Amino acid sequence: MSDANTHPVPTAADVISQLYQFDLFQQNAVERTDGAPSSDVLMTAAARADAAAKRDKILAELQRQTGTEIPAQHKAAAMRAHSIDAVDSTEGPAYVRQFYAAQLAEYELAVALIERYLQSPDNEDVRSFAAAQLPALLTELADTRNALADK
């Protein structure tokens, strides 16, 4: 856990905005796996992009319900997804490790965000959503750590 002084408790708007960023990363990452040397990478990226699209529908409804304005910060997530491009997909194992390392960093950010938010939520609907998302994100985080360790 991070110190509250270095990472203030996020608001409902922060949670919605940053989970949109996480989902955008996942959706951009699947585009980057075209021609990936591993069917495991392709299946993982596709499943996570699908989950992100479903989560985005719920986030849009939460945003509407809460009247939350979300600043356009999509470039940051897209740039992070491009980090997967830094390794040539023909480099096989290096590409697979880079993919999972990028995934791991994103999952760690998303889980930390939700855990900090749940310490002091400011909106019941967003709290409920965040609490429901946490188990799946923790499972995917563990799966990503294991996949990276195996590579």
N, C-alpha and C. Protein backbone atom coordinates (compact mmCIF):
# COMPACT_ATOMS: atom_id res chain seq x y z
N MET A 1 0.82 -1.19 0.00
CA MET A 1 0.00 0.00 0.00
C MET A 1 0.87 1.25 0.00
N SER A 2 0.39 2.26 -0.67
CA SER A 2 1.12 3.51 -0.73
C SER A 2 0.70 4.41 0.41
N ASP A 3 1.59 5.29 0.77
CA ASP A 3 1.31 6.28 1.80
C ASP A 3 0.28 7.27 1.27
N ALA A 4 -0.71 7.59 2.11
CA ALA A 4 -1.79 8.50 1.69
C ALA A 4 -1.25 9.87 1.32
N ASN A 5 -0.10 10.27 1.88
CA ASN A 5 0.47 11.56 1.54
C ASN A 5 1.04 11.59 0.13
N THR A 6 1.53 10.47 -0.35
CA THR A 6 2.07 10.43 -1.70
C THR A 6 1.00 10.06 -2.72
N HIS A 7 -0.02 9.36 -2.30
CA HIS A 7 -1.12 8.97 -3.17
C HIS A 7 -2.43 9.25 -2.45
N PRO A 8 -3.00 10.44 -2.67
CA PRO A 8 -4.25 10.74 -2.00
C PRO A 8 -5.36 9.78 -2.42
N VAL A 9 -6.34 9.64 -1.54
CA VAL A 9 -7.47 8.76 -1.85
C VAL A 9 -8.18 9.31 -3.09
N PRO A 10 -8.36 8.46 -4.10
CA PRO A 10 -9.01 8.93 -5.32
C PRO A 10 -10.51 9.16 -5.11
N THR A 11 -11.07 10.02 -5.94
CA THR A 11 -12.51 10.28 -5.93
C THR A 11 -13.19 9.33 -6.91
N ALA A 12 -14.52 9.33 -6.90
CA ALA A 12 -15.28 8.52 -7.86
C ALA A 12 -14.89 8.91 -9.29
N ALA A 13 -14.72 10.20 -9.53
CA ALA A 13 -14.33 10.67 -10.87
C ALA A 13 -12.96 10.12 -11.25
N ASP A 14 -12.03 10.08 -10.28
CA ASP A 14 -10.70 9.53 -10.55
C ASP A 14 -10.80 8.05 -10.93
N VAL A 15 -11.63 7.31 -10.20
CA VAL A 15 -11.79 5.88 -10.47
C VAL A 15 -12.34 5.67 -11.87
N ILE A 16 -13.40 6.38 -12.20
CA ILE A 16 -14.00 6.24 -13.53
C ILE A 16 -12.98 6.60 -14.61
N SER A 17 -12.32 7.73 -14.46
CA SER A 17 -11.36 8.20 -15.45
C SER A 17 -10.19 7.23 -15.62
N GLN A 18 -9.63 6.79 -14.50
CA GLN A 18 -8.45 5.93 -14.59
C GLN A 18 -8.79 4.52 -15.04
N LEU A 19 -9.99 4.04 -14.74
CA LEU A 19 -10.38 2.73 -15.28
C LEU A 19 -10.67 2.83 -16.78
N TYR A 20 -11.18 3.98 -17.23
CA TYR A 20 -11.29 4.19 -18.68
C TYR A 20 -9.89 4.09 -19.31
N GLN A 21 -8.89 4.68 -18.66
CA GLN A 21 -7.52 4.64 -19.17
C GLN A 21 -7.00 3.19 -19.22
N PHE A 22 -7.27 2.46 -18.16
CA PHE A 22 -6.88 1.05 -18.10
C PHE A 22 -7.53 0.28 -19.25
N ASP A 23 -8.82 0.52 -19.46
CA ASP A 23 -9.54 -0.18 -20.53
C ASP A 23 -9.01 0.22 -21.91
N LEU A 24 -8.68 1.49 -22.08
CA LEU A 24 -8.13 1.94 -23.35
C LEU A 24 -6.79 1.26 -23.61
N PHE A 25 -5.99 1.14 -22.55
CA PHE A 25 -4.72 0.41 -22.69
C PHE A 25 -4.99 -1.01 -23.19
N GLN A 26 -5.94 -1.69 -22.56
CA GLN A 26 -6.24 -3.08 -22.94
C GLN A 26 -6.72 -3.17 -24.39
N GLN A 27 -7.55 -2.23 -24.80
CA GLN A 27 -8.07 -2.25 -26.16
C GLN A 27 -6.98 -1.91 -27.18
N ASN A 28 -6.09 -1.00 -26.82
CA ASN A 28 -4.97 -0.68 -27.71
C ASN A 28 -3.96 -1.82 -27.75
N ALA A 29 -3.77 -2.48 -26.60
CA ALA A 29 -2.79 -3.57 -26.54
C ALA A 29 -3.18 -4.72 -27.47
N VAL A 30 -4.48 -4.99 -27.59
CA VAL A 30 -4.89 -6.09 -28.46
C VAL A 30 -4.53 -5.78 -29.92
N GLU A 31 -4.60 -4.51 -30.30
CA GLU A 31 -4.23 -4.13 -31.66
C GLU A 31 -2.74 -4.34 -31.89
N ARG A 32 -1.95 -4.20 -30.84
CA ARG A 32 -0.50 -4.33 -30.94
C ARG A 32 -0.05 -5.79 -31.02
N THR A 33 -0.95 -6.72 -30.75
CA THR A 33 -0.55 -8.13 -30.75
C THR A 33 -0.71 -8.78 -32.11
N ASP A 34 -1.19 -8.04 -33.11
CA ASP A 34 -1.27 -8.62 -34.45
C ASP A 34 0.11 -9.12 -34.85
N GLY A 35 0.17 -10.36 -35.24
CA GLY A 35 1.44 -10.94 -35.63
C GLY A 35 2.29 -11.38 -34.46
N ALA A 36 1.71 -11.39 -33.26
CA ALA A 36 2.47 -11.82 -32.08
C ALA A 36 2.88 -13.27 -32.25
N PRO A 37 4.06 -13.62 -31.72
CA PRO A 37 4.57 -14.97 -31.89
C PRO A 37 3.88 -16.01 -31.02
N SER A 38 3.01 -15.57 -30.12
CA SER A 38 2.42 -16.50 -29.16
C SER A 38 0.90 -16.43 -29.21
N SER A 39 0.28 -17.59 -29.38
CA SER A 39 -1.19 -17.61 -29.35
C SER A 39 -1.69 -17.27 -27.95
N ASP A 40 -0.88 -17.55 -26.93
CA ASP A 40 -1.23 -17.19 -25.56
C ASP A 40 -1.38 -15.68 -25.43
N VAL A 41 -0.44 -14.94 -26.00
CA VAL A 41 -0.52 -13.48 -25.98
C VAL A 41 -1.77 -13.01 -26.71
N LEU A 42 -2.03 -13.58 -27.86
CA LEU A 42 -3.21 -13.18 -28.64
C LEU A 42 -4.50 -13.43 -27.86
N MET A 43 -4.61 -14.61 -27.25
CA MET A 43 -5.83 -14.95 -26.51
C MET A 43 -5.98 -14.06 -25.27
N THR A 44 -4.88 -13.83 -24.57
CA THR A 44 -4.91 -12.98 -23.39
C THR A 44 -5.33 -11.57 -23.77
N ALA A 45 -4.71 -11.02 -24.78
CA ALA A 45 -5.03 -9.65 -25.21
C ALA A 45 -6.49 -9.54 -25.65
N ALA A 46 -6.98 -10.51 -26.39
CA ALA A 46 -8.37 -10.47 -26.85
C ALA A 46 -9.34 -10.56 -25.68
N ALA A 47 -9.08 -11.45 -24.73
CA ALA A 47 -9.96 -11.60 -23.57
C ALA A 47 -9.98 -10.33 -22.74
N ARG A 48 -8.82 -9.71 -22.56
CA ARG A 48 -8.75 -8.50 -21.74
C ARG A 48 -9.38 -7.31 -22.45
N ALA A 49 -9.26 -7.25 -23.76
CA ALA A 49 -9.92 -6.18 -24.51
C ALA A 49 -11.44 -6.34 -24.44
N ASP A 50 -11.90 -7.59 -24.49
CA ASP A 50 -13.34 -7.86 -24.38
C ASP A 50 -13.85 -7.44 -23.00
N ALA A 51 -13.11 -7.80 -21.96
CA ALA A 51 -13.50 -7.41 -20.60
C ALA A 51 -13.51 -5.89 -20.46
N ALA A 52 -12.54 -5.23 -21.09
CA ALA A 52 -12.46 -3.77 -21.04
C ALA A 52 -13.68 -3.13 -21.71
N ALA A 53 -14.09 -3.68 -22.84
CA ALA A 53 -15.26 -3.13 -23.54
C ALA A 53 -16.51 -3.28 -22.68
N LYS A 54 -16.65 -4.41 -22.02
CA LYS A 54 -17.81 -4.61 -21.13
C LYS A 54 -17.75 -3.66 -19.94
N ARG A 55 -16.55 -3.49 -19.36
CA ARG A 55 -16.40 -2.59 -18.22
C ARG A 55 -16.71 -1.15 -18.63
N ASP A 56 -16.31 -0.78 -19.85
CA ASP A 56 -16.57 0.58 -20.34
C ASP A 56 -18.06 0.90 -20.40
N LYS A 57 -18.87 -0.08 -20.72
CA LYS A 57 -20.32 0.15 -20.75
C LYS A 57 -20.83 0.49 -19.35
N ILE A 58 -20.33 -0.22 -18.35
CA ILE A 58 -20.72 0.05 -16.96
C ILE A 58 -20.18 1.40 -16.52
N LEU A 59 -18.93 1.70 -16.91
CA LEU A 59 -18.34 2.99 -16.56
C LEU A 59 -19.13 4.14 -17.17
N ALA A 60 -19.59 3.97 -18.40
CA ALA A 60 -20.39 5.02 -19.04
C ALA A 60 -21.68 5.27 -18.27
N GLU A 61 -22.30 4.20 -17.80
CA GLU A 61 -23.53 4.34 -17.01
C GLU A 61 -23.22 5.01 -15.66
N LEU A 62 -22.14 4.62 -15.03
CA LEU A 62 -21.74 5.26 -13.77
C LEU A 62 -21.45 6.75 -13.98
N GLN A 63 -20.78 7.04 -15.06
CA GLN A 63 -20.47 8.44 -15.37
C GLN A 63 -21.76 9.23 -15.55
N ARG A 64 -22.74 8.65 -16.22
CA ARG A 64 -24.02 9.32 -16.43
C ARG A 64 -24.74 9.50 -15.09
N GLN A 65 -24.79 8.44 -14.29
CA GLN A 65 -25.48 8.49 -12.99
C GLN A 65 -24.88 9.51 -12.04
N THR A 66 -23.56 9.61 -12.06
CA THR A 66 -22.89 10.50 -11.12
C THR A 66 -22.69 11.90 -11.68
N GLY A 67 -22.97 12.08 -12.95
CA GLY A 67 -22.77 13.39 -13.57
C GLY A 67 -21.30 13.77 -13.63
N THR A 68 -20.45 12.78 -13.70
CA THR A 68 -19.01 12.99 -13.67
C THR A 68 -18.48 13.38 -15.04
N GLU A 69 -17.72 14.46 -15.06
CA GLU A 69 -17.02 14.85 -16.28
C GLU A 69 -15.64 14.21 -16.25
N ILE A 70 -15.31 13.53 -17.31
CA ILE A 70 -14.02 12.85 -17.39
C ILE A 70 -13.15 13.59 -18.39
N PRO A 71 -11.98 14.07 -17.92
CA PRO A 71 -11.09 14.76 -18.84
C PRO A 71 -10.54 13.80 -19.89
N ALA A 72 -10.30 14.31 -21.07
CA ALA A 72 -9.74 13.48 -22.14
C ALA A 72 -8.25 13.31 -21.90
N GLN A 73 -7.85 12.11 -21.47
CA GLN A 73 -6.44 11.79 -21.24
C GLN A 73 -6.08 10.51 -21.98
N HIS A 74 -6.75 10.27 -23.06
CA HIS A 74 -6.58 8.99 -23.74
C HIS A 74 -5.18 8.81 -24.30
N LYS A 75 -4.45 9.89 -24.55
CA LYS A 75 -3.12 9.76 -25.12
C LYS A 75 -2.19 8.97 -24.20
N ALA A 76 -2.31 9.17 -22.90
CA ALA A 76 -1.41 8.48 -21.96
C ALA A 76 -1.57 6.97 -22.07
N ALA A 77 -2.81 6.48 -22.09
CA ALA A 77 -3.04 5.04 -22.18
C ALA A 77 -2.59 4.51 -23.53
N ALA A 78 -2.85 5.26 -24.58
CA ALA A 78 -2.43 4.83 -25.91
C ALA A 78 -0.90 4.77 -25.98
N MET A 79 -0.23 5.74 -25.38
CA MET A 79 1.23 5.73 -25.38
C MET A 79 1.76 4.53 -24.59
N ARG A 80 1.12 4.20 -23.47
CA ARG A 80 1.55 3.05 -22.70
C ARG A 80 1.35 1.77 -23.51
N ALA A 81 0.27 1.68 -24.25
CA ALA A 81 0.04 0.50 -25.08
C ALA A 81 1.10 0.40 -26.17
N HIS A 82 1.56 1.55 -26.65
CA HIS A 82 2.60 1.53 -27.67
C HIS A 82 3.92 1.00 -27.13
N SER A 83 4.06 0.96 -25.81
CA SER A 83 5.31 0.44 -25.24
C SER A 83 5.52 -1.02 -25.66
N ILE A 84 4.44 -1.70 -25.95
CA ILE A 84 4.54 -3.08 -26.42
C ILE A 84 5.21 -3.10 -27.80
N ASP A 85 5.05 -2.01 -28.56
CA ASP A 85 5.67 -1.92 -29.87
C ASP A 85 7.19 -1.81 -29.80
N ALA A 86 7.72 -1.47 -28.63
CA ALA A 86 9.16 -1.26 -28.50
C ALA A 86 9.94 -2.53 -28.81
N VAL A 87 9.29 -3.67 -28.72
CA VAL A 87 9.96 -4.94 -29.00
C VAL A 87 9.38 -5.50 -30.28
N ASP A 88 10.24 -5.86 -31.18
CA ASP A 88 9.82 -6.44 -32.44
C ASP A 88 9.13 -7.78 -32.17
N SER A 89 7.93 -7.95 -32.74
CA SER A 89 7.17 -9.17 -32.48
C SER A 89 7.88 -10.42 -32.99
N THR A 90 8.84 -10.26 -33.88
CA THR A 90 9.60 -11.42 -34.36
C THR A 90 10.62 -11.88 -33.33
N GLU A 91 10.80 -11.11 -32.24
CA GLU A 91 11.76 -11.47 -31.22
C GLU A 91 11.19 -12.47 -30.23
N GLY A 92 10.06 -13.06 -30.54
CA GLY A 92 9.48 -14.14 -29.77
C GLY A 92 9.43 -13.94 -28.27
N PRO A 93 10.30 -14.62 -27.53
CA PRO A 93 10.25 -14.55 -26.07
C PRO A 93 10.38 -13.14 -25.51
N ALA A 94 11.20 -12.30 -26.12
CA ALA A 94 11.35 -10.92 -25.64
C ALA A 94 10.03 -10.17 -25.80
N TYR A 95 9.36 -10.38 -26.92
CA TYR A 95 8.07 -9.74 -27.14
C TYR A 95 7.05 -10.20 -26.11
N VAL A 96 6.99 -11.48 -25.85
CA VAL A 96 6.04 -12.04 -24.89
C VAL A 96 6.30 -11.47 -23.50
N ARG A 97 7.57 -11.41 -23.10
CA ARG A 97 7.91 -10.82 -21.80
C ARG A 97 7.51 -9.35 -21.74
N GLN A 98 7.76 -8.61 -22.80
CA GLN A 98 7.41 -7.18 -22.84
C GLN A 98 5.90 -7.01 -22.74
N PHE A 99 5.15 -7.85 -23.43
CA PHE A 99 3.68 -7.78 -23.37
C PHE A 99 3.21 -7.97 -21.93
N TYR A 100 3.68 -9.04 -21.29
CA TYR A 100 3.23 -9.32 -19.92
C TYR A 100 3.75 -8.29 -18.92
N ALA A 101 4.94 -7.75 -19.14
CA ALA A 101 5.45 -6.71 -18.25
C ALA A 101 4.58 -5.45 -18.33
N ALA A 102 4.17 -5.08 -19.54
CA ALA A 102 3.29 -3.92 -19.70
C ALA A 102 1.93 -4.19 -19.06
N GLN A 103 1.41 -5.39 -19.25
CA GLN A 103 0.15 -5.77 -18.63
C GLN A 103 0.25 -5.70 -17.11
N LEU A 104 1.35 -6.23 -16.57
CA LEU A 104 1.55 -6.24 -15.12
C LEU A 104 1.53 -4.83 -14.55
N ALA A 105 2.22 -3.91 -15.19
CA ALA A 105 2.26 -2.53 -14.71
C ALA A 105 0.85 -1.92 -14.70
N GLU A 106 0.08 -2.18 -15.74
CA GLU A 106 -1.28 -1.63 -15.81
C GLU A 106 -2.19 -2.23 -14.74
N TYR A 107 -2.09 -3.53 -14.54
CA TYR A 107 -2.92 -4.17 -13.51
C TYR A 107 -2.55 -3.66 -12.12
N GLU A 108 -1.26 -3.49 -11.87
CA GLU A 108 -0.84 -2.98 -10.56
C GLU A 108 -1.43 -1.59 -10.31
N LEU A 109 -1.42 -0.74 -11.34
CA LEU A 109 -2.00 0.60 -11.20
C LEU A 109 -3.50 0.53 -10.92
N ALA A 110 -4.21 -0.29 -11.67
CA ALA A 110 -5.67 -0.39 -11.52
C ALA A 110 -6.05 -0.95 -10.15
N VAL A 111 -5.36 -1.99 -9.71
CA VAL A 111 -5.66 -2.59 -8.41
C VAL A 111 -5.36 -1.60 -7.28
N ALA A 112 -4.22 -0.92 -7.35
CA ALA A 112 -3.86 0.05 -6.32
C ALA A 112 -4.89 1.18 -6.26
N LEU A 113 -5.34 1.63 -7.41
CA LEU A 113 -6.37 2.67 -7.48
C LEU A 113 -7.64 2.23 -6.75
N ILE A 114 -8.11 1.05 -7.07
CA ILE A 114 -9.36 0.57 -6.46
C ILE A 114 -9.17 0.35 -4.96
N GLU A 115 -8.05 -0.23 -4.58
CA GLU A 115 -7.82 -0.46 -3.15
C GLU A 115 -7.78 0.86 -2.38
N ARG A 116 -7.14 1.89 -2.94
CA ARG A 116 -7.11 3.20 -2.27
C ARG A 116 -8.51 3.80 -2.21
N TYR A 117 -9.25 3.67 -3.30
CA TYR A 117 -10.61 4.23 -3.33
C TYR A 117 -11.50 3.57 -2.28
N LEU A 118 -11.41 2.27 -2.17
CA LEU A 118 -12.28 1.54 -1.25
C LEU A 118 -11.99 1.86 0.21
N GLN A 119 -10.85 2.45 0.48
CA GLN A 119 -10.54 2.87 1.85
C GLN A 119 -11.44 4.02 2.30
N SER A 120 -11.86 4.86 1.35
CA SER A 120 -12.68 6.02 1.69
C SER A 120 -13.50 6.44 0.47
N PRO A 121 -14.47 5.62 0.06
CA PRO A 121 -15.26 5.93 -1.15
C PRO A 121 -16.16 7.15 -0.93
N ASP A 122 -16.38 7.88 -2.02
CA ASP A 122 -17.23 9.07 -1.94
C ASP A 122 -18.53 8.92 -2.73
N ASN A 123 -18.76 7.71 -3.29
CA ASN A 123 -19.99 7.47 -4.04
C ASN A 123 -20.34 5.99 -3.91
N GLU A 124 -21.56 5.70 -3.49
CA GLU A 124 -21.95 4.32 -3.23
C GLU A 124 -21.98 3.47 -4.51
N ASP A 125 -22.45 4.03 -5.61
CA ASP A 125 -22.50 3.27 -6.86
C ASP A 125 -21.10 2.92 -7.35
N VAL A 126 -20.20 3.89 -7.28
CA VAL A 126 -18.82 3.65 -7.71
C VAL A 126 -18.13 2.69 -6.74
N ARG A 127 -18.41 2.82 -5.44
CA ARG A 127 -17.85 1.89 -4.45
C ARG A 127 -18.27 0.47 -4.77
N SER A 128 -19.56 0.28 -5.03
CA SER A 128 -20.08 -1.05 -5.34
C SER A 128 -19.43 -1.61 -6.60
N PHE A 129 -19.31 -0.78 -7.62
CA PHE A 129 -18.67 -1.20 -8.87
C PHE A 129 -17.21 -1.57 -8.63
N ALA A 130 -16.49 -0.71 -7.90
CA ALA A 130 -15.07 -0.95 -7.64
C ALA A 130 -14.87 -2.24 -6.85
N ALA A 131 -15.71 -2.43 -5.84
CA ALA A 131 -15.61 -3.64 -5.02
C ALA A 131 -15.89 -4.89 -5.86
N ALA A 132 -16.82 -4.79 -6.80
CA ALA A 132 -17.13 -5.93 -7.66
C ALA A 132 -16.01 -6.20 -8.67
N GLN A 133 -15.30 -5.16 -9.09
CA GLN A 133 -14.22 -5.32 -10.07
C GLN A 133 -12.95 -5.89 -9.45
N LEU A 134 -12.72 -5.58 -8.18
CA LEU A 134 -11.45 -5.93 -7.54
C LEU A 134 -11.09 -7.41 -7.62
N PRO A 135 -11.99 -8.35 -7.29
CA PRO A 135 -11.60 -9.77 -7.35
C PRO A 135 -11.12 -10.21 -8.74
N ALA A 136 -11.82 -9.78 -9.78
CA ALA A 136 -11.42 -10.16 -11.15
C ALA A 136 -10.07 -9.54 -11.51
N LEU A 137 -9.88 -8.29 -11.15
CA LEU A 137 -8.61 -7.64 -11.45
C LEU A 137 -7.45 -8.28 -10.67
N LEU A 138 -7.70 -8.67 -9.43
CA LEU A 138 -6.67 -9.36 -8.65
C LEU A 138 -6.31 -10.71 -9.27
N THR A 139 -7.32 -11.43 -9.76
CA THR A 139 -7.07 -12.71 -10.42
C THR A 139 -6.26 -12.50 -11.69
N GLU A 140 -6.63 -11.51 -12.50
CA GLU A 140 -5.90 -11.23 -13.73
C GLU A 140 -4.49 -10.74 -13.43
N LEU A 141 -4.33 -9.98 -12.34
CA LEU A 141 -2.99 -9.53 -11.92
C LEU A 141 -2.14 -10.75 -11.57
N ALA A 142 -2.68 -11.68 -10.79
CA ALA A 142 -1.94 -12.89 -10.43
C ALA A 142 -1.61 -13.71 -11.67
N ASP A 143 -2.57 -13.85 -12.58
CA ASP A 143 -2.33 -14.60 -13.83
C ASP A 143 -1.21 -13.94 -14.63
N THR A 144 -1.21 -12.62 -14.66
CA THR A 144 -0.17 -11.89 -15.41
C THR A 144 1.20 -12.08 -14.77
N ARG A 145 1.25 -12.00 -13.45
CA ARG A 145 2.53 -12.25 -12.75
C ARG A 145 3.05 -13.65 -13.06
N ASN A 146 2.15 -14.62 -13.00
CA ASN A 146 2.55 -16.01 -13.29
C ASN A 146 3.01 -16.18 -14.72
N ALA A 147 2.29 -15.56 -15.65
CA ALA A 147 2.67 -15.67 -17.07
C ALA A 147 4.04 -15.04 -17.30
N LEU A 148 4.28 -13.88 -16.67
CA LEU A 148 5.57 -13.23 -16.83
C LEU A 148 6.68 -14.07 -16.22
N ALA A 149 6.42 -14.65 -15.07
CA ALA A 149 7.42 -15.49 -14.40
C ALA A 149 7.76 -16.73 -15.24
N ASP A 150 6.79 -17.22 -16.00
CA ASP A 150 6.99 -18.41 -16.83
C ASP A 150 7.73 -18.11 -18.14
N LYS A 151 7.86 -16.83 -18.46
CA LYS A 151 8.42 -16.48 -19.77
C LYS A 151 9.89 -16.24 -19.74
